[in-house]
PDB file of all heavy atoms in Angstrom:
ATOM      1  N   ARG A   1      -5.249 -12.328   6.609  1.00  0.00           N
ATOM      2  CA  ARG A   1      -6.254 -13.385   6.518  1.00  0.00           C
ATOM      3  C   ARG A   1      -7.661 -12.783   6.444  1.00  0.00           C
ATOM      4  O   ARG A   1      -8.485 -13.206   5.626  1.00  0.00           O
ATOM      5  CB  ARG A   1      -6.138 -14.308   7.744  1.00  0.00           C
ATOM      6  CG  ARG A   1      -7.171 -15.413   7.798  1.00  0.00           C
ATOM      7  CD  ARG A   1      -6.852 -16.512   6.822  1.00  0.00           C
ATOM      8  NE  ARG A   1      -7.888 -17.548   6.832  1.00  0.00           N
ATOM      9  CZ  ARG A   1      -7.801 -18.691   6.171  1.00  0.00           C
ATOM     10  NH1 ARG A   1      -6.724 -18.938   5.449  1.00  0.00           N
ATOM     11  NH2 ARG A   1      -8.773 -19.564   6.225  1.00  0.00           N
ATOM     12  N   ALA A   2      -7.943 -11.788   7.269  1.00  0.00           N
ATOM     13  CA  ALA A   2      -9.258 -11.156   7.249  1.00  0.00           C
ATOM     14  C   ALA A   2      -9.506 -10.460   5.911  1.00  0.00           C
ATOM     15  O   ALA A   2     -10.604 -10.535   5.351  1.00  0.00           O
ATOM     16  CB  ALA A   2      -9.375 -10.155   8.394  1.00  0.00           C
ATOM     17  N   TYR A   3      -8.488  -9.796   5.407  1.00  0.00           N
ATOM     18  CA  TYR A   3      -8.601  -9.093   4.128  1.00  0.00           C
ATOM     19  C   TYR A   3      -8.921 -10.072   3.002  1.00  0.00           C
ATOM     20  O   TYR A   3      -9.859  -9.869   2.227  1.00  0.00           O
ATOM     21  CB  TYR A   3      -7.289  -8.364   3.850  1.00  0.00           C
ATOM     22  CG  TYR A   3      -7.225  -7.624   2.534  1.00  0.00           C
ATOM     23  CD1 TYR A   3      -7.562  -6.282   2.459  1.00  0.00           C
ATOM     24  CD2 TYR A   3      -6.794  -8.268   1.376  1.00  0.00           C
ATOM     25  CE1 TYR A   3      -7.490  -5.598   1.250  1.00  0.00           C
ATOM     26  CE2 TYR A   3      -6.719  -7.596   0.169  1.00  0.00           C
ATOM     27  CZ  TYR A   3      -7.066  -6.263   0.112  1.00  0.00           C
ATOM     28  OH  TYR A   3      -6.993  -5.599  -1.082  1.00  0.00           O
ATOM     29  N   LEU A   4      -8.162 -11.160   2.911  1.00  0.00           N
ATOM     30  CA  LEU A   4      -8.364 -12.123   1.830  1.00  0.00           C
ATOM     31  C   LEU A   4      -9.672 -12.897   2.002  1.00  0.00           C
ATOM     32  O   LEU A   4     -10.305 -13.264   1.005  1.00  0.00           O
ATOM     33  CB  LEU A   4      -7.178 -13.077   1.756  1.00  0.00           C
ATOM     34  CG  LEU A   4      -5.852 -12.432   1.333  1.00  0.00           C
ATOM     35  CD1 LEU A   4      -4.712 -13.449   1.376  1.00  0.00           C
ATOM     36  CD2 LEU A   4      -5.970 -11.818  -0.061  1.00  0.00           C
ATOM     37  N   THR A   5     -10.079 -13.126   3.237  1.00  0.00           N
ATOM     38  CA  THR A   5     -11.365 -13.774   3.454  1.00  0.00           C
ATOM     39  C   THR A   5     -12.494 -12.881   2.966  1.00  0.00           C
ATOM     40  O   THR A   5     -13.466 -13.350   2.368  1.00  0.00           O
ATOM     41  CB  THR A   5     -11.568 -14.121   4.933  1.00  0.00           C
ATOM     42  OG1 THR A   5     -10.516 -14.995   5.362  1.00  0.00           O
ATOM     43  CG2 THR A   5     -12.901 -14.810   5.161  1.00  0.00           C
ATOM     44  N   SER A   6     -12.378 -11.569   3.199  1.00  0.00           N
ATOM     45  CA  SER A   6     -13.383 -10.637   2.699  1.00  0.00           C
ATOM     46  C   SER A   6     -13.451 -10.663   1.181  1.00  0.00           C
ATOM     47  O   SER A   6     -14.530 -10.636   0.587  1.00  0.00           O
ATOM     48  CB  SER A   6     -13.072  -9.214   3.186  1.00  0.00           C
ATOM     49  OG  SER A   6     -13.158  -9.125   4.579  1.00  0.00           O
ATOM     50  N   VAL A   7     -12.285 -10.733   0.535  1.00  0.00           N
ATOM     51  CA  VAL A   7     -12.263 -10.819  -0.930  1.00  0.00           C
ATOM     52  C   VAL A   7     -12.895 -12.129  -1.387  1.00  0.00           C
ATOM     53  O   VAL A   7     -13.646 -12.172  -2.366  1.00  0.00           O
ATOM     54  CB  VAL A   7     -10.822 -10.689  -1.461  1.00  0.00           C
ATOM     55  CG1 VAL A   7     -10.773 -10.930  -2.960  1.00  0.00           C
ATOM     56  CG2 VAL A   7     -10.256  -9.318  -1.125  1.00  0.00           C
ATOM     57  N   ALA A   8     -12.617 -13.209  -0.669  1.00  0.00           N
ATOM     58  CA  ALA A   8     -13.158 -14.520  -1.042  1.00  0.00           C
ATOM     59  C   ALA A   8     -14.684 -14.540  -0.966  1.00  0.00           C
ATOM     60  O   ALA A   8     -15.348 -15.078  -1.860  1.00  0.00           O
ATOM     61  CB  ALA A   8     -12.565 -15.608  -0.150  1.00  0.00           C
ATOM     62  N   VAL A   9     -15.249 -13.968   0.081  1.00  0.00           N
ATOM     63  CA  VAL A   9     -16.702 -14.079   0.274  1.00  0.00           C
ATOM     64  C   VAL A   9     -17.476 -12.919  -0.324  1.00  0.00           C
ATOM     65  O   VAL A   9     -18.675 -13.039  -0.584  1.00  0.00           O
ATOM     66  CB  VAL A   9     -17.048 -14.229   1.771  1.00  0.00           C
ATOM     67  CG1 VAL A   9     -16.415 -15.474   2.354  1.00  0.00           C
ATOM     68  CG2 VAL A   9     -16.630 -12.996   2.565  1.00  0.00           C
ATOM     69  N   ARG A  10     -16.817 -11.786  -0.577  1.00  0.00           N
ATOM     70  CA  ARG A  10     -17.527 -10.619  -1.106  1.00  0.00           C
ATOM     71  C   ARG A  10     -17.108 -10.230  -2.511  1.00  0.00           C
ATOM     72  O   ARG A  10     -17.808  -9.487  -3.193  1.00  0.00           O
ATOM     73  CB  ARG A  10     -17.323  -9.426  -0.171  1.00  0.00           C
ATOM     74  CG  ARG A  10     -17.957  -9.589   1.215  1.00  0.00           C
ATOM     75  CD  ARG A  10     -17.544  -8.452   2.128  1.00  0.00           C
ATOM     76  NE  ARG A  10     -17.798  -7.156   1.518  1.00  0.00           N
ATOM     77  CZ  ARG A  10     -17.179  -6.035   1.882  1.00  0.00           C
ATOM     78  NH1 ARG A  10     -16.267  -6.063   2.832  1.00  0.00           N
ATOM     79  NH2 ARG A  10     -17.473  -4.895   1.284  1.00  0.00           N
ATOM     80  N   GLY A  11     -15.948 -10.686  -2.963  1.00  0.00           N
ATOM     81  CA  GLY A  11     -15.497 -10.344  -4.297  1.00  0.00           C
ATOM     82  C   GLY A  11     -14.542  -9.167  -4.301  1.00  0.00           C
ATOM     83  O   GLY A  11     -14.175  -8.623  -3.246  1.00  0.00           O
ATOM     84  N   VAL A  12     -14.157  -8.734  -5.499  1.00  0.00           N
ATOM     85  CA  VAL A  12     -13.132  -7.698  -5.609  1.00  0.00           C
ATOM     86  C   VAL A  12     -13.630  -6.340  -5.155  1.00  0.00           C
ATOM     87  O   VAL A  12     -12.821  -5.433  -4.932  1.00  0.00           O
ATOM     88  CB  VAL A  12     -12.608  -7.600  -7.055  1.00  0.00           C
ATOM     89  CG1 VAL A  12     -11.845  -8.857  -7.437  1.00  0.00           C
ATOM     90  CG2 VAL A  12     -13.742  -7.346  -8.037  1.00  0.00           C
ATOM     91  N   HIS A  13     -14.933  -6.148  -4.995  1.00  0.00           N
ATOM     92  CA  HIS A  13     -15.390  -4.865  -4.468  1.00  0.00           C
ATOM     93  C   HIS A  13     -15.008  -4.693  -2.995  1.00  0.00           C
ATOM     94  O   HIS A  13     -15.129  -3.600  -2.452  1.00  0.00           O
ATOM     95  CB  HIS A  13     -16.904  -4.710  -4.644  1.00  0.00           C
ATOM     96  CG  HIS A  13     -17.716  -5.650  -3.808  1.00  0.00           C
ATOM     97  ND1 HIS A  13     -18.060  -6.906  -4.241  1.00  0.00           N
ATOM     98  CD2 HIS A  13     -18.233  -5.517  -2.566  1.00  0.00           C
ATOM     99  CE1 HIS A  13     -18.776  -7.505  -3.295  1.00  0.00           C
ATOM    100  NE2 HIS A  13     -18.895  -6.693  -2.270  1.00  0.00           N
ATOM    101  N   ALA A  14     -14.531  -5.797  -2.358  1.00  0.00           N
ATOM    102  CA  ALA A  14     -14.034  -5.679  -0.987  1.00  0.00           C
ATOM    103  C   ALA A  14     -12.600  -5.187  -0.942  1.00  0.00           C
ATOM    104  O   ALA A  14     -12.075  -4.900   0.138  1.00  0.00           O
ATOM    105  CB  ALA A  14     -14.136  -7.039  -0.285  1.00  0.00           C
ATOM    106  N   VAL A  15     -11.943  -5.091  -2.099  1.00  0.00           N
ATOM    107  CA  VAL A  15     -10.560  -4.625  -2.151  1.00  0.00           C
ATOM    108  C   VAL A  15     -10.513  -3.139  -1.819  1.00  0.00           C
ATOM    109  O   VAL A  15     -11.299  -2.350  -2.355  1.00  0.00           O
ATOM    110  CB  VAL A  15      -9.956  -4.881  -3.548  1.00  0.00           C
ATOM    111  CG1 VAL A  15      -8.576  -4.271  -3.661  1.00  0.00           C
ATOM    112  CG2 VAL A  15      -9.901  -6.374  -3.830  1.00  0.00           C
ATOM    113  N   GLY A  16      -9.572  -2.759  -0.945  1.00  0.00           N
ATOM    114  CA  GLY A  16      -9.489  -1.367  -0.537  1.00  0.00           C
ATOM    115  C   GLY A  16      -8.623  -0.498  -1.415  1.00  0.00           C
ATOM    116  O   GLY A  16      -8.852   0.707  -1.512  1.00  0.00           O
ATOM    117  N   GLU A  17      -7.627  -1.079  -2.073  1.00  0.00           N
ATOM    118  CA  GLU A  17      -6.691  -0.278  -2.858  1.00  0.00           C
ATOM    119  C   GLU A  17      -7.331   0.195  -4.161  1.00  0.00           C
ATOM    120  O   GLU A  17      -7.785  -0.615  -4.965  1.00  0.00           O
ATOM    121  CB  GLU A  17      -5.434  -1.091  -3.185  1.00  0.00           C
ATOM    122  CG  GLU A  17      -4.599  -1.460  -1.973  1.00  0.00           C
ATOM    123  CD  GLU A  17      -5.051  -2.755  -1.325  1.00  0.00           C
ATOM    124  OE1 GLU A  17      -6.205  -3.175  -1.614  1.00  0.00           O
ATOM    125  OE2 GLU A  17      -4.281  -3.335  -0.558  1.00  0.00           O
ATOM    126  N   PRO A  18      -7.353   1.514  -4.403  1.00  0.00           N
ATOM    127  CA  PRO A  18      -7.978   2.036  -5.639  1.00  0.00           C
ATOM    128  C   PRO A  18      -7.335   1.488  -6.899  1.00  0.00           C
ATOM    129  O   PRO A  18      -8.033   1.229  -7.892  1.00  0.00           O
ATOM    130  CB  PRO A  18      -7.776   3.552  -5.517  1.00  0.00           C
ATOM    131  CG  PRO A  18      -7.584   3.810  -4.061  1.00  0.00           C
ATOM    132  CD  PRO A  18      -6.893   2.596  -3.523  1.00  0.00           C
ATOM    133  N   GLN A  19      -5.996   1.304  -6.896  1.00  0.00           N
ATOM    134  CA  GLN A  19      -5.322   0.827  -8.094  1.00  0.00           C
ATOM    135  C   GLN A  19      -5.758  -0.591  -8.436  1.00  0.00           C
ATOM    136  O   GLN A  19      -5.989  -0.912  -9.610  1.00  0.00           O
ATOM    137  CB  GLN A  19      -3.807   0.868  -7.904  1.00  0.00           C
ATOM    138  CG  GLN A  19      -3.027   0.304  -9.100  1.00  0.00           C
ATOM    139  CD  GLN A  19      -1.534   0.529  -8.983  1.00  0.00           C
ATOM    140  OE1 GLN A  19      -1.093   1.573  -8.541  1.00  0.00           O
ATOM    141  NE2 GLN A  19      -0.755  -0.480  -9.376  1.00  0.00           N
ATOM    142  N   VAL A  20      -5.886  -1.438  -7.412  1.00  0.00           N
ATOM    143  CA  VAL A  20      -6.312  -2.817  -7.661  1.00  0.00           C
ATOM    144  C   VAL A  20      -7.769  -2.844  -8.120  1.00  0.00           C
ATOM    145  O   VAL A  20      -8.135  -3.599  -9.036  1.00  0.00           O
ATOM    146  CB  VAL A  20      -6.103  -3.674  -6.402  1.00  0.00           C
ATOM    147  CG1 VAL A  20      -6.615  -5.098  -6.624  1.00  0.00           C
ATOM    148  CG2 VAL A  20      -4.639  -3.705  -6.019  1.00  0.00           C
ATOM    149  N   ARG A  21      -8.608  -2.029  -7.517  1.00  0.00           N
ATOM    150  CA  ARG A  21     -10.009  -1.965  -7.948  1.00  0.00           C
ATOM    151  C   ARG A  21     -10.106  -1.507  -9.397  1.00  0.00           C
ATOM    152  O   ARG A  21     -10.907  -2.031 -10.175  1.00  0.00           O
ATOM    153  CB  ARG A  21     -10.792  -1.021  -7.038  1.00  0.00           C
ATOM    154  CG  ARG A  21     -10.972  -1.548  -5.623  1.00  0.00           C
ATOM    155  CD  ARG A  21     -11.591  -0.474  -4.743  1.00  0.00           C
ATOM    156  NE  ARG A  21     -12.951  -0.171  -5.166  1.00  0.00           N
ATOM    157  CZ  ARG A  21     -14.029  -0.740  -4.644  1.00  0.00           C
ATOM    158  NH1 ARG A  21     -13.894  -1.648  -3.683  1.00  0.00           N
ATOM    159  NH2 ARG A  21     -15.223  -0.410  -5.049  1.00  0.00           N
ATOM    160  N   ALA A  22      -9.286  -0.539  -9.772  1.00  0.00           N
ATOM    161  CA  ALA A  22      -9.283  -0.071 -11.158  1.00  0.00           C
ATOM    162  C   ALA A  22      -8.801  -1.155 -12.104  1.00  0.00           C
ATOM    163  O   ALA A  22      -9.305  -1.287 -13.225  1.00  0.00           O
ATOM    164  CB  ALA A  22      -8.404   1.168 -11.284  1.00  0.00           C
ATOM    165  N   ALA A  23      -7.826  -1.951 -11.652  1.00  0.00           N
ATOM    166  CA  ALA A  23      -7.322  -3.032 -12.500  1.00  0.00           C
ATOM    167  C   ALA A  23      -8.419  -4.036 -12.809  1.00  0.00           C
ATOM    168  O   ALA A  23      -8.536  -4.527 -13.944  1.00  0.00           O
ATOM    169  CB  ALA A  23      -6.143  -3.722 -11.812  1.00  0.00           C
ATOM    170  N   PHE A  24      -9.250  -4.346 -11.836  1.00  0.00           N
ATOM    171  CA  PHE A  24     -10.309  -5.331 -12.052  1.00  0.00           C
ATOM    172  C   PHE A  24     -11.512  -4.741 -12.774  1.00  0.00           C
ATOM    173  O   PHE A  24     -12.436  -5.476 -13.123  1.00  0.00           O
ATOM    174  CB  PHE A  24     -10.738  -5.940 -10.719  1.00  0.00           C
ATOM    175  CG  PHE A  24      -9.841  -7.036 -10.248  1.00  0.00           C
ATOM    176  CD1 PHE A  24      -8.801  -6.778  -9.363  1.00  0.00           C
ATOM    177  CD2 PHE A  24     -10.012  -8.334 -10.690  1.00  0.00           C
ATOM    178  CE1 PHE A  24      -7.960  -7.785  -8.934  1.00  0.00           C
ATOM    179  CE2 PHE A  24      -9.176  -9.351 -10.273  1.00  0.00           C
ATOM    180  CZ  PHE A  24      -8.150  -9.076  -9.393  1.00  0.00           C
ATOM    181  N   ALA A  25     -11.522  -3.438 -12.991  1.00  0.00           N
ATOM    182  CA  ALA A  25     -12.607  -2.848 -13.776  1.00  0.00           C
ATOM    183  C   ALA A  25     -12.485  -3.217 -15.247  1.00  0.00           C
ATOM    184  O   ALA A  25     -13.469  -3.187 -15.990  1.00  0.00           O
ATOM    185  CB  ALA A  25     -12.600  -1.333 -13.621  1.00  0.00           C
ATOM    186  N   HIS A  26     -11.273  -3.619 -15.673  1.00  0.00           N
ATOM    187  CA  HIS A  26     -11.041  -4.027 -17.060  1.00  0.00           C
ATOM    188  C   HIS A  26     -11.213  -5.536 -17.159  1.00  0.00           C
ATOM    189  O   HIS A  26     -10.257  -6.282 -17.313  1.00  0.00           O
ATOM    190  CB  HIS A  26      -9.623  -3.640 -17.502  1.00  0.00           C
ATOM    191  CG  HIS A  26      -9.368  -2.170 -17.448  1.00  0.00           C
ATOM    192  ND1 HIS A  26      -9.560  -1.337 -18.512  1.00  0.00           N
ATOM    193  CD2 HIS A  26      -8.943  -1.386 -16.435  1.00  0.00           C
ATOM    194  CE1 HIS A  26      -9.254  -0.096 -18.175  1.00  0.00           C
ATOM    195  NE2 HIS A  26      -8.880  -0.097 -16.919  1.00  0.00           N
ATOM    196  N   ARG A  27     -12.464  -6.013 -17.039  1.00  0.00           N
ATOM    197  CA  ARG A  27     -12.705  -7.454 -17.023  1.00  0.00           C
ATOM    198  C   ARG A  27     -13.699  -7.848 -18.086  1.00  0.00           C
ATOM    199  O   ARG A  27     -14.547  -7.066 -18.494  1.00  0.00           O
ATOM    200  CB  ARG A  27     -13.237  -7.894 -15.651  1.00  0.00           C
ATOM    201  CG  ARG A  27     -12.279  -7.637 -14.516  1.00  0.00           C
ATOM    202  CD  ARG A  27     -12.679  -8.427 -13.313  1.00  0.00           C
ATOM    203  NE  ARG A  27     -14.005  -8.067 -12.851  1.00  0.00           N
ATOM    204  CZ  ARG A  27     -14.632  -8.676 -11.851  1.00  0.00           C
ATOM    205  NH1 ARG A  27     -14.053  -9.677 -11.238  1.00  0.00           N
ATOM    206  NH2 ARG A  27     -15.831  -8.301 -11.477  1.00  0.00           N
TER     207      ARG A  27
END
């Protein structure tokens, strides 16, 4: 819940996993 709330209020730069962050770089 805390993790997803951080993503909700801060955006994908709050994501900790490098692979997921790299995936969203292709936007």
